[in-house]
């Protein structure tokens, strides 16, 4: 065997192995970048789904509280009307007595 030839063959094998290693590293990097892109897309989808879920919950709570608010307003209006009618009834019953009392004090002369 020629020592020069064996040396060149060894160098050639090293160059081939280096090229193969570079291809493996490049493929691994490409695979990593692809996986990172997929993970990012999955995370964005999950975030969008979560955001949509929270918005739906918020809108539901708003509609429920608005509905409760409307029923509360209606109930308070009815209670207020009932109290006003009660006060009018009481005032109409007491009104003649108050008029008599005022007339008595106005017409009575004191020394």
PDB file of N, CA and C in Angstrom:
ATOM      1  N   UNK A   1       0.827  -1.177   0.000  1.00  0.00           N
ATOM      2  CA  UNK A   1       0.000   0.000   0.000  1.00  0.00           C
ATOM      3  C   UNK A   1       0.867   1.235   0.000  1.00  0.00           C
ATOM      4  N   UNK A   2       0.385   2.182  -0.682  1.00  0.00           N
ATOM      5  CA  UNK A   2       1.104   3.443  -0.768  1.00  0.00           C
ATOM      6  C   UNK A   2       0.674   4.327   0.390  1.00  0.00           C
ATOM      7  N   UNK A   3       1.641   4.795   1.211  1.00  0.00           N
ATOM      8  CA  UNK A   3       1.257   5.619   2.350  1.00  0.00           C
ATOM      9  C   UNK A   3       0.540   6.891   1.938  1.00  0.00           C
ATOM     10  N   UNK A   4       0.902   7.417   0.798  1.00  0.00           N
ATOM     11  CA  UNK A   4       0.251   8.655   0.356  1.00  0.00           C
ATOM     12  C   UNK A   4      -1.207   8.397   0.004  1.00  0.00           C
ATOM     13  N   UNK A   5      -1.414   7.276  -0.596  1.00  0.00           N
ATOM     14  CA  UNK A   5      -2.761   6.953  -1.012  1.00  0.00           C
ATOM     15  C   UNK A   5      -3.638   6.683   0.203  1.00  0.00           C
ATOM     16  N   UNK A   6      -3.117   6.006   1.198  1.00  0.00           N
ATOM     17  CA  UNK A   6      -3.879   5.738   2.402  1.00  0.00           C
ATOM     18  C   UNK A   6      -4.199   7.024   3.136  1.00  0.00           C
ATOM     19  N   UNK A   7      -3.276   7.967   3.106  1.00  0.00           N
ATOM     20  CA  UNK A   7      -3.510   9.255   3.749  1.00  0.00           C
ATOM     21  C   UNK A   7      -4.608  10.021   3.044  1.00  0.00           C
ATOM     22  N   UNK A   8      -4.579   9.978   1.732  1.00  0.00           N
ATOM     23  CA  UNK A   8      -5.622  10.690   0.992  1.00  0.00           C
ATOM     24  C   UNK A   8      -6.977  10.024   1.189  1.00  0.00           C
ATOM     25  N   UNK A   9      -6.961   8.715   1.276  1.00  0.00           N
ATOM     26  CA  UNK A   9      -8.207   7.992   1.513  1.00  0.00           C
ATOM     27  C   UNK A   9      -8.780   8.329   2.875  1.00  0.00           C
ATOM     28  N   UNK A  10      -7.866   8.457   3.876  1.00  0.00           N
ATOM     29  CA  UNK A  10      -8.309   8.829   5.216  1.00  0.00           C
ATOM     30  C   UNK A  10      -8.863  10.242   5.250  1.00  0.00           C
ATOM     31  N   UNK A  11      -8.198  11.137   4.516  1.00  0.00           N
ATOM     32  CA  UNK A  11      -8.676  12.532   4.448  1.00  0.00           C
ATOM     33  C   UNK A  11     -10.033  12.565   3.758  1.00  0.00           C
ATOM     34  N   UNK A  12     -10.122  11.784   2.678  1.00  0.00           N
ATOM     35  CA  UNK A  12     -11.393  11.738   1.949  1.00  0.00           C
ATOM     36  C   UNK A  12     -12.504  11.198   2.850  1.00  0.00           C
ATOM     37  N   UNK A  13     -12.191  10.181   3.656  1.00  0.00           N
ATOM     38  CA  UNK A  13     -13.188   9.628   4.581  1.00  0.00           C
ATOM     39  C   UNK A  13     -13.586  10.667   5.626  1.00  0.00           C
ATOM     40  N   UNK A  14     -12.582  11.415   6.114  1.00  0.00           N
ATOM     41  CA  UNK A  14     -12.884  12.478   7.089  1.00  0.00           C
ATOM     42  C   UNK A  14     -13.764  13.556   6.461  1.00  0.00           C
ATOM     43  N   UNK A  15     -13.453  13.944   5.240  1.00  0.00           N
ATOM     44  CA  UNK A  15     -14.270  14.963   4.560  1.00  0.00           C
ATOM     45  C   UNK A  15     -15.700  14.451   4.347  1.00  0.00           C
ATOM     46  N   UNK A  16     -15.818  13.206   3.957  1.00  0.00           N
ATOM     47  CA  UNK A  16     -17.148  12.621   3.758  1.00  0.00           C
ATOM     48  C   UNK A  16     -17.894  12.563   5.085  1.00  0.00           C
ATOM     49  N   UNK A  17     -17.225  12.138   6.142  1.00  0.00           N
ATOM     50  CA  UNK A  17     -17.857  12.073   7.462  1.00  0.00           C
ATOM     51  C   UNK A  17     -18.257  13.466   7.930  1.00  0.00           C
ATOM     52  N   UNK A  18     -17.413  14.465   7.643  1.00  0.00           N
ATOM     53  CA  UNK A  18     -17.735  15.844   8.041  1.00  0.00           C
ATOM     54  C   UNK A  18     -18.964  16.348   7.283  1.00  0.00           C
ATOM     55  N   UNK A  19     -19.026  16.015   5.980  1.00  0.00           N
ATOM     56  CA  UNK A  19     -20.189  16.426   5.194  1.00  0.00           C
ATOM     57  C   UNK A  19     -21.468  15.749   5.708  1.00  0.00           C
ATOM     58  N   UNK A  20     -21.349  14.466   6.037  1.00  0.00           N
ATOM     59  CA  UNK A  20     -22.496  13.747   6.574  1.00  0.00           C
ATOM     60  C   UNK A  20     -22.939  14.336   7.913  1.00  0.00           C
ATOM     61  N   UNK A  21     -21.961  14.664   8.755  1.00  0.00           N
ATOM     62  CA  UNK A  21     -22.278  15.267  10.048  1.00  0.00           C
ATOM     63  C   UNK A  21     -22.945  16.621   9.846  1.00  0.00           C
ATOM     64  N   UNK A  22     -22.454  17.396   8.878  1.00  0.00           N
ATOM     65  CA  UNK A  22     -23.050  18.709   8.595  1.00  0.00           C
ATOM     66  C   UNK A  22     -24.483  18.542   8.110  1.00  0.00           C
ATOM     67  N   UNK A  23     -24.725  17.526   7.280  1.00  0.00           N
ATOM     68  CA  UNK A  23     -26.083  17.269   6.794  1.00  0.00           C
ATOM     69  C   UNK A  23     -26.999  16.860   7.945  1.00  0.00           C
ATOM     70  N   UNK A  24     -26.476  16.040   8.860  1.00  0.00           N
ATOM     71  CA  UNK A  24     -27.271  15.618  10.014  1.00  0.00           C
ATOM     72  C   UNK A  24     -27.612  16.818  10.893  1.00  0.00           C
ATOM     73  N   UNK A  25     -26.616  17.700  11.119  1.00  0.00           N
ATOM     74  CA  UNK A  25     -26.845  18.895  11.940  1.00  0.00           C
ATOM     75  C   UNK A  25     -27.858  19.809  11.260  1.00  0.00           C
ATOM     76  N   UNK A  26     -27.724  19.997   9.943  1.00  0.00           N
ATOM     77  CA  UNK A  26     -28.659  20.849   9.207  1.00  0.00           C
ATOM     78  C   UNK A  26     -30.074  20.266   9.257  1.00  0.00           C
ATOM     79  N   UNK A  27     -30.198  18.959   9.082  1.00  0.00           N
ATOM     80  CA  UNK A  27     -31.513  18.319   9.151  1.00  0.00           C
ATOM     81  C   UNK A  27     -32.113  18.475  10.544  1.00  0.00           C
ATOM     82  N   UNK A  28     -31.271  18.327  11.571  1.00  0.00           N
ATOM     83  CA  UNK A  28     -31.758  18.478  12.947  1.00  0.00           C
ATOM     84  C   UNK A  28     -32.219  19.913  13.193  1.00  0.00           C
ATOM     85  N   UNK A  29     -31.453  20.878  12.694  1.00  0.00           N
ATOM     86  CA  UNK A  29     -31.861  22.292  12.841  1.00  0.00           C
ATOM     87  C   UNK A  29     -33.178  22.553  12.131  1.00  0.00           C
ATOM     88  N   UNK A  30     -33.301  22.038  10.913  1.00  0.00           N
ATOM     89  CA  UNK A  30     -34.548  22.231  10.160  1.00  0.00           C
ATOM     90  C   UNK A  30     -35.724  21.586  10.879  1.00  0.00           C
ATOM     91  N   UNK A  31     -35.495  20.385  11.416  1.00  0.00           N
ATOM     92  CA  UNK A  31     -36.547  19.707  12.161  1.00  0.00           C
ATOM     93  C   UNK A  31     -36.920  20.502  13.409  1.00  0.00           C
ATOM     94  N   UNK A  32     -35.905  21.037  14.073  1.00  0.00           N
ATOM     95  CA  UNK A  32     -36.154  21.850  15.275  1.00  0.00           C
ATOM     96  C   UNK A  32     -36.958  23.101  14.916  1.00  0.00           C
ATOM     97  N   UNK A  33     -36.576  23.779  13.834  1.00  0.00           N
ATOM     98  CA  UNK A  33     -37.301  24.988  13.427  1.00  0.00           C
ATOM     99  C   UNK A  33     -38.743  24.658  13.048  1.00  0.00           C
ATOM    100  N   UNK A  34     -38.932  23.532  12.357  1.00  0.00           N
ATOM    101  CA  UNK A  34     -40.284  23.119  11.988  1.00  0.00           C
ATOM    102  C   UNK A  34     -41.114  22.848  13.227  1.00  0.00           C
ATOM    103  N   UNK A  35     -40.528  22.142  14.176  1.00  0.00           N
ATOM    104  CA  UNK A  35     -41.247  21.833  15.415  1.00  0.00           C
ATOM    105  C   UNK A  35     -41.553  23.093  16.206  1.00  0.00           C
ATOM    106  N   UNK A  36     -40.613  24.052  16.242  1.00  0.00           N
ATOM    107  CA  UNK A  36     -40.868  25.319  16.939  1.00  0.00           C
ATOM    108  C   UNK A  36     -42.019  26.081  16.290  1.00  0.00           C
ATOM    109  N   UNK A  37     -42.061  26.084  14.952  1.00  0.00           N
ATOM    110  CA  UNK A  37     -43.164  26.750  14.251  1.00  0.00           C
ATOM    111  C   UNK A  37     -44.493  26.071  14.579  1.00  0.00           C
ATOM    112  N   UNK A  38     -44.489  24.732  14.603  1.00  0.00           N
ATOM    113  CA  UNK A  38     -45.711  24.006  14.936  1.00  0.00           C
ATOM    114  C   UNK A  38     -46.148  24.314  16.367  1.00  0.00           C
ATOM    115  N   UNK A  39     -45.183  24.341  17.282  1.00  0.00           N
ATOM    116  CA  UNK A  39     -45.508  24.631  18.681  1.00  0.00           C
ATOM    117  C   UNK A  39     -46.072  26.041  18.811  1.00  0.00           C
ATOM    118  N   UNK A  40     -45.489  26.986  18.077  1.00  0.00           N
ATOM    119  CA  UNK A  40     -45.979  28.370  18.119  1.00  0.00           C
ATOM    120  C   UNK A  40     -47.408  28.440  17.583  1.00  0.00           C
ATOM    121  N   UNK A  41     -47.672  27.769  16.479  1.00  0.00           N
ATOM    122  CA  UNK A  41     -49.021  27.768  15.904  1.00  0.00           C
ATOM    123  C   UNK A  41     -50.031  27.120  16.863  1.00  0.00           C
ATOM    124  N   UNK A  42     -49.623  26.023  17.497  1.00  0.00           N
ATOM    125  CA  UNK A  42     -50.502  25.373  18.464  1.00  0.00           C
ATOM    126  C   UNK A  42     -50.793  26.291  19.650  1.00  0.00           C
ATOM    127  N   UNK A  43     -49.754  26.974  20.117  1.00  0.00           N
ATOM    128  CA  UNK A  43     -49.935  27.893  21.247  1.00  0.00           C
ATOM    129  C   UNK A  43     -50.852  29.044  20.859  1.00  0.00           C
ATOM    130  N   UNK A  44     -50.690  29.556  19.644  1.00  0.00           N
ATOM    131  CA  UNK A  44     -51.559  30.655  19.190  1.00  0.00           C
ATOM    132  C   UNK A  44     -53.014  30.189  19.081  1.00  0.00           C
ATOM    133  N   UNK A  45     -53.210  28.956  18.582  1.00  0.00           N
ATOM    134  CA  UNK A  45     -54.578  28.421  18.494  1.00  0.00           C
ATOM    135  C   UNK A  45     -55.187  28.255  19.883  1.00  0.00           C
ATOM    136  N   UNK A  46     -54.390  27.706  20.801  1.00  0.00           N
ATOM    137  CA  UNK A  46     -54.891  27.532  22.165  1.00  0.00           C
ATOM    138  C   UNK A  46     -55.212  28.873  22.807  1.00  0.00           C
ATOM    139  N   UNK A  47     -54.351  29.867  22.579  1.00  0.00           N
ATOM    140  CA  UNK A  47     -54.597  31.202  23.138  1.00  0.00           C
ATOM    141  C   UNK A  47     -55.872  31.800  22.543  1.00  0.00           C
ATOM    142  N   UNK A  48     -56.058  31.626  21.238  1.00  0.00           N
ATOM    143  CA  UNK A  48     -57.268  32.150  20.593  1.00  0.00           C
ATOM    144  C   UNK A  48     -58.515  31.450  21.134  1.00  0.00           C
ATOM    145  N   UNK A  49     -58.429  30.131  21.314  1.00  0.00           N
ATOM    146  CA  UNK A  49     -59.574  29.394  21.867  1.00  0.00           C
ATOM    147  C   UNK A  49     -59.864  29.836  23.298  1.00  0.00           C
ATOM    148  N   UNK A  50     -58.822  30.004  24.086  1.00  0.00           N
ATOM    149  CA  UNK A  50     -58.996  30.438  25.478  1.00  0.00           C
ATOM    150  C   UNK A  50     -59.591  31.837  25.524  1.00  0.00           C
ATOM    151  N   UNK A  51     -59.092  32.732  24.666  1.00  0.00           N
ATOM    152  CA  UNK A  51     -59.615  34.100  24.609  1.00  0.00           C
ATOM    153  C   UNK A  51     -61.092  34.075  24.231  1.00  0.00           C
ATOM    154  N   UNK A  52     -61.449  33.263  23.229  1.00  0.00           N
ATOM    155  CA  UNK A  52     -62.851  33.160  22.809  1.00  0.00           C
ATOM    156  C   UNK A  52     -63.713  32.622  23.950  1.00  0.00           C
ATOM    157  N   UNK A  53     -63.180  31.644  24.678  1.00  0.00           N
ATOM    158  CA  UNK A  53     -63.911  31.092  25.822  1.00  0.00           C
ATOM    159  C   UNK A  53     -64.142  32.159  26.888  1.00  0.00           C
ATOM    160  N   UNK A  54     -63.088  32.926  27.203  1.00  0.00           N
ATOM    161  CA  UNK A  54     -63.228  33.983  28.215  1.00  0.00           C
ATOM    162  C   UNK A  54     -64.208  35.064  27.764  1.00  0.00           C
ATOM    163  N   UNK A  55     -64.154  35.418  26.482  1.00  0.00           N
ATOM    164  CA  UNK A  55     -65.084  36.430  25.973  1.00  0.00           C
ATOM    165  C   UNK A  55     -66.520  35.936  26.055  1.00  0.00           C
ATOM    166  N   UNK A  56     -66.728  34.652  25.735  1.00  0.00           N
ATOM    167  CA  UNK A  56     -68.081  34.085  25.820  1.00  0.00           C
ATOM    168  C   UNK A  56     -68.567  34.092  27.264  1.00  0.00           C
ATOM    169  N   UNK A  57     -67.699  33.723  28.198  1.00  0.00           N
ATOM    170  CA  UNK A  57     -68.064  33.746  29.616  1.00  0.00           C
ATOM    171  C   UNK A  57     -68.388  35.162  30.060  1.00  0.00           C
ATOM    172  N   UNK A  58     -67.579  36.124  29.624  1.00  0.00           N
ATOM    173  CA  UNK A  58     -67.796  37.516  29.996  1.00  0.00           C
ATOM    174  C   UNK A  58     -69.133  38.020  29.448  1.00  0.00           C
ATOM    175  N   UNK A  59     -69.395  37.729  28.175  1.00  0.00           N
ATOM    176  CA  UNK A  59     -70.663  38.164  27.579  1.00  0.00           C
ATOM    177  C   UNK A  59     -71.840  37.506  28.281  1.00  0.00           C
ATOM    178  N   UNK A  60     -71.666  36.236  28.656  1.00  0.00           N
ATOM    179  CA  UNK A  60     -72.732  35.534  29.365  1.00  0.00           C
ATOM    180  C   UNK A  60     -72.990  36.186  30.717  1.00  0.00           C
ATOM    181  N   UNK A  61     -71.904  36.515  31.432  1.00  0.00           N
ATOM    182  CA  UNK A  61     -72.076  37.140  32.748  1.00  0.00           C
ATOM    183  C   UNK A  61     -72.680  38.528  32.614  1.00  0.00           C
ATOM    184  N   UNK A  62     -72.295  39.250  31.563  1.00  0.00           N
ATOM    185  CA  UNK A  62     -72.878  40.579  31.325  1.00  0.00           C
ATOM    186  C   UNK A  62     -74.366  40.448  31.042  1.00  0.00           C
ATOM    187  N   UNK A  63     -74.732  39.496  30.190  1.00  0.00           N
ATOM    188  CA  UNK A  63     -76.154  39.348  29.865  1.00  0.00           C
ATOM    189  C   UNK A  63     -76.951  38.902  31.085  1.00  0.00           C
ATOM    190  N   UNK A  64     -76.341  38.039  31.913  1.00  0.00           N
ATOM    191  CA  UNK A  64     -77.038  37.612  33.127  1.00  0.00           C
ATOM    192  C   UNK A  64     -77.195  38.765  34.097  1.00  0.00           C
ATOM    193  N   UNK A  65     -76.134  39.547  34.267  1.00  0.00           N
ATOM    194  CA  UNK A  65     -76.223  40.660  35.217  1.00  0.00           C
ATOM    195  C   UNK A  65     -77.152  41.741  34.690  1.00  0.00           C
ATOM    196  N   UNK A  66     -77.160  41.935  33.375  1.00  0.00           N
ATOM    197  CA  UNK A  66     -78.078  42.913  32.796  1.00  0.00           C
ATOM    198  C   UNK A  66     -79.503  42.441  32.982  1.00  0.00           C
ATOM    199  N   UNK A  67     -79.733  41.154  32.774  1.00  0.00           N
ATOM    200  CA  UNK A  67     -81.079  40.604  32.986  1.00  0.00           C
ATOM    201  C   UNK A  67     -81.489  40.753  34.430  1.00  0.00           C
ATOM    202  N   UNK A  68     -80.593  40.451  35.350  1.00  0.00           N
ATOM    203  CA  UNK A  68     -80.881  40.619  36.766  1.00  0.00           C
ATOM    204  C   UNK A  68     -81.109  42.078  37.092  1.00  0.00           C
ATOM    205  N   UNK A  69     -80.337  42.937  36.451  1.00  0.00           N
ATOM    206  CA  UNK A  69     -80.477  44.368  36.688  1.00  0.00           C
ATOM    207  C   UNK A  69     -81.854  44.839  36.234  1.00  0.00           C
ATOM    208  N   UNK A  70     -82.298  44.371  35.079  1.00  0.00           N
ATOM    209  CA  UNK A  70     -83.623  44.756  34.580  1.00  0.00           C
ATOM    210  C   UNK A  70     -84.710  44.272  35.528  1.00  0.00           C
ATOM    211  N   UNK A  71     -84.599  43.040  35.987  1.00  0.00           N
ATOM    212  CA  UNK A  71     -85.625  42.536  36.903  1.00  0.00           C
ATOM    213  C   UNK A  71     -85.570  43.269  38.236  1.00  0.00           C
ATOM    214  N   UNK A  72     -84.368  43.637  38.663  1.00  0.00           N
ATOM    215  CA  UNK A  72     -84.234  44.394  39.910  1.00  0.00           C
ATOM    216  C   UNK A  72     -84.868  45.773  39.753  1.00  0.00           C
ATOM    217  N   UNK A  73     -84.626  46.412  38.629  1.00  0.00           N
ATOM    218  CA  UNK A  73     -85.216  47.734  38.372  1.00  0.00           C
ATOM    219  C   UNK A  73     -86.737  47.632  38.345  1.00  0.00           C
ATOM    220  N   UNK A  74     -87.244  46.608  37.683  1.00  0.00           N
ATOM    221  CA  UNK A  74     -88.710  46.440  37.627  1.00  0.00           C
ATOM    222  C   UNK A  74     -89.282  46.210  39.022  1.00  0.00           C
ATOM    223  N   UNK A  75     -88.598  45.375  39.800  1.00  0.00           N
ATOM    224  CA  UNK A  75     -89.070  45.096  41.159  1.00  0.00           C
ATOM    225  C   UNK A  75     -89.043  46.368  42.000  1.00  0.00           C
ATOM    226  N   UNK A  76     -87.961  47.143  41.898  1.00  0.00           N
ATOM    227  CA  UNK A  76     -87.863  48.388  42.668  1.00  0.00           C
ATOM    228  C   UNK A  76     -88.914  49.396  42.222  1.00  0.00           C
ATOM    229  N   UNK A  77     -89.187  49.460  40.924  1.00  0.00           N
ATOM    230  CA  UNK A  77     -90.241  50.352  40.430  1.00  0.00           C
ATOM    231  C   UNK A  77     -91.593  49.960  41.016  1.00  0.00           C
ATOM    232  N   UNK A  78     -91.881  48.669  41.041  1.00  0.00           N
ATOM    233  CA  UNK A  78     -93.158  48.201  41.582  1.00  0.00           C
ATOM    234  C   UNK A  78     -93.253  48.515  43.074  1.00  0.00           C
ATOM    235  N   UNK A  79     -92.155  48.274  43.807  1.00  0.00           N
ATOM    236  CA  UNK A  79     -92.161  48.581  45.247  1.00  0.00           C
ATOM    237  C   UNK A  79     -92.337  50.077  45.485  1.00  0.00           C
ATOM    238  N   UNK A  80     -91.692  50.893  44.686  1.00  0.00           N
ATOM    239  CA  UNK A  80     -91.807  52.349  44.830  1.00  0.00           C
ATOM    240  C   UNK A  80     -93.238  52.801  44.559  1.00  0.00           C
ATOM    241  N   UNK A  81     -93.826  52.260  43.496  1.00  0.00           N
ATOM    242  CA  UNK A  81     -95.219  52.606  43.185  1.00  0.00           C
ATOM    243  C   UNK A  81     -96.143  52.214  44.336  1.00  0.00           C
ATOM    244  N   UNK A  82     -95.921  51.035  44.908  1.00  0.00           N
ATOM    245  CA  UNK A  82     -96.754  50.581  46.020  1.00  0.00           C
ATOM    246  C   UNK A  82     -96.601  51.514  47.222  1.00  0.00           C
ATOM    247  N   UNK A  83     -95.377  51.944  47.501  1.00  0.00           N
ATOM    248  CA  UNK A  83     -95.152  52.865  48.628  1.00  0.00           C
ATOM    249  C   UNK A  83     -95.788  54.220  48.362  1.00  0.00           C
ATOM    250  N   UNK A  84     -95.699  54.697  47.148  1.00  0.00           N
ATOM    251  CA  UNK A  84     -96.316  55.988  46.798  1.00  0.00           C
ATOM    252  C   UNK A  84     -97.827  55.905  46.987  1.00  0.00           C
ATOM    253  N   UNK A  85     -98.438  54.836  46.511  1.00  0.00           N
ATOM    254  CA  UNK A  85     -99.891  54.667  46.667  1.00  0.00           C
ATOM    255  C   UNK A  85    -100.270  54.568  48.149  1.00  0.00           C
ATOM    256  N   UNK A  86     -99.446  53.875  48.932  1.00  0.00           N
ATOM    257  CA  UNK A  86     -99.703  53.765  50.368  1.00  0.00           C
ATOM    258  C   UNK A  86     -99.638  55.135  51.031  1.00  0.00           C
ATOM    259  N   UNK A  87     -98.616  55.920  50.677  1.00  0.00           N
ATOM    260  CA  UNK A  87     -98.487  57.272  51.247  1.00  0.00           C
ATOM    261  C   UNK A  87     -99.643  58.170  50.817  1.00  0.00           C
ATOM    262  N   UNK A  88    -100.084  58.051  49.568  1.00  0.00           N
ATOM    263  CA  UNK A  88    -101.231  58.851  49.115  1.00  0.00           C
ATOM    264  C   UNK A  88    -102.481  58.486  49.909  1.00  0.00           C
ATOM    265  N   UNK A  89    -102.673  57.190  50.128  1.00  0.00           N
ATOM    266  CA  UNK A  89    -103.839  56.744  50.902  1.00  0.00           C
ATOM    267  C   UNK A  89    -103.786  57.268  52.324  1.00  0.00           C
ATOM    268  N   UNK A  90    -102.618  57.194  52.957  1.00  0.00           N
ATOM    269  CA  UNK A  90    -102.465  57.688  54.320  1.00  0.00           C
ATOM    270  C   UNK A  90    -102.667  59.199  54.361  1.00  0.00           C
ATOM    271  N   UNK A  91    -102.114  59.901  53.365  1.00  0.00           N
ATOM    272  CA  UNK A  91    -102.261  61.361  53.320  1.00  0.00           C
ATOM    273  C   UNK A  91    -103.719  61.759  53.140  1.00  0.00           C
ATOM    274  N   UNK A  92    -104.448  61.032  52.331  1.00  0.00           N
ATOM    275  CA  UNK A  92    -105.858  61.390  52.127  1.00  0.00           C
ATOM    276  C   UNK A  92    -106.684  61.127  53.385  1.00  0.00           C
ATOM    277  N   UNK A  93    -106.297  60.139  54.182  1.00  0.00           N
ATOM    278  CA  UNK A  93    -107.010  59.874  55.430  1.00  0.00           C
ATOM    279  C   UNK A  93    -106.690  60.929  56.481  1.00  0.00           C
ATOM    280  N   UNK A  94    -105.453  61.370  56.539  1.00  0.00           N
ATOM    281  CA  UNK A  94    -105.014  62.303  57.580  1.00  0.00           C
ATOM    282  C   UNK A  94    -105.282  63.752  57.172  1.00  0.00           C
ATOM    283  N   UNK A  95    -105.436  64.004  55.915  1.00  0.00           N
ATOM    284  CA  UNK A  95    -105.585  65.366  55.408  1.00  0.00           C
ATOM    285  C   UNK A  95    -106.723  66.146  56.081  1.00  0.00           C
ATOM    286  N   UNK A  96    -107.924  65.611  56.245  1.00  0.00           N
ATOM    287  CA  UNK A  96    -108.978  66.396  56.898  1.00  0.00           C
ATOM    288  C   UNK A  96    -108.614  66.764  58.335  1.00  0.00           C
ATOM    289  N   UNK A  97    -107.978  65.864  59.039  1.00  0.00           N
ATOM    290  CA  UNK A  97    -107.591  66.160  60.418  1.00  0.00           C
ATOM    291  C   UNK A  97    -106.551  67.278  60.462  1.00  0.00           C
ATOM    292  N   UNK A  98    -105.614  67.251  59.533  1.00  0.00           N
ATOM    293  CA  UNK A  98    -104.574  68.290  59.491  1.00  0.00           C
ATOM    294  C   UNK A  98    -105.217  69.635  59.168  1.00  0.00           C
ATOM    295  N   UNK A  99    -106.157  69.633  58.249  1.00  0.00           N
ATOM    296  CA  UNK A  99    -106.839  70.885  57.895  1.00  0.00           C
ATOM    297  C   UNK A  99    -107.583  71.426  59.106  1.00  0.00           C
ATOM    298  N   UNK A 100    -108.277  70.598  59.850  1.00  0.00           N
ATOM    299  CA  UNK A 100    -108.990  71.031  61.045  1.00  0.00           C
ATOM    300  C   UNK A 100    -108.022  71.613  62.065  1.00  0.00           C
ATOM    301  N   UNK A 101    -106.905  70.946  62.286  1.00  0.00           N
ATOM    302  CA  UNK A 101    -105.931  71.392  63.261  1.00  0.00           C
ATOM    303  C   UNK A 101    -105.352  72.759  62.848  1.00  0.00           C
ATOM    304  N   UNK A 102    -105.046  72.919  61.578  1.00  0.00           N
ATOM    305  CA  UNK A 102    -104.508  74.196  61.102  1.00  0.00           C
ATOM    306  C   UNK A 102    -105.548  75.314  61.240  1.00  0.00           C
ATOM    307  N   UNK A 103    -106.803  75.027  60.883  1.00  0.00           N
ATOM    308  CA  UNK A 103    -107.846  76.037  61.014  1.00  0.00           C
ATOM    309  C   UNK A 103    -108.028  76.431  62.480  1.00  0.00           C
ATOM    310  N   UNK A 104    -107.946  75.464  63.354  1.00  0.00           N
ATOM    311  CA  UNK A 104    -108.106  75.743  64.776  1.00  0.00           C
ATOM    312  C   UNK A 104    -107.007  76.693  65.247  1.00  0.00           C
ATOM    313  N   UNK A 105    -105.759  76.410  64.864  1.00  0.00           N
ATOM    314  CA  UNK A 105    -104.661  77.270  65.308  1.00  0.00           C
ATOM    315  C   UNK A 105    -104.710  78.647  64.660  1.00  0.00           C
ATOM    316  N   UNK A 106    -105.180  78.721  63.429  1.00  0.00           N
ATOM    317  CA  UNK A 106    -105.228  80.019  62.755  1.00  0.00           C
ATOM    318  C   UNK A 106    -106.359  80.879  63.327  1.00  0.00           C
ATOM    319  N   UNK A 107    -107.479  80.264  63.592  1.00  0.00           N
ATOM    320  CA  UNK A 107    -108.650  81.044  64.026  1.00  0.00           C
ATOM    321  C   UNK A 107    -108.680  81.294  65.538  1.00  0.00           C
ATOM    322  N   UNK A 108    -107.899  80.607  66.289  1.00  0.00           N
ATOM    323  CA  UNK A 108    -107.893  80.795  67.723  1.00  0.00           C
ATOM    324  C   UNK A 108    -107.025  82.000  68.032  1.00  0.00           C
ATOM    325  N   UNK A 109    -107.613  82.909  68.819  1.00  0.00           N
ATOM    326  CA  UNK A 109    -106.878  84.125  69.214  1.00  0.00           C
ATOM    327  C   UNK A 109    -106.312  83.871  70.590  1.00  0.00           C
ATOM    328  N   UNK A 110    -105.052  84.148  70.722  1.00  0.00           N
ATOM    329  CA  UNK A 110    -104.432  84.000  72.019  1.00  0.00           C
ATOM    330  C   UNK A 110    -104.030  85.363  72.554  1.00  0.00           C
ATOM    331  N   UNK A 111    -104.082  85.475  73.814  1.00  0.00           N
ATOM    332  CA  UNK A 111    -103.709  86.758  74.444  1.00  0.00           C
ATOM    333  C   UNK A 111    -102.314  86.698  74.962  1.00  0.00           C
TER     334      UNK A 111
END
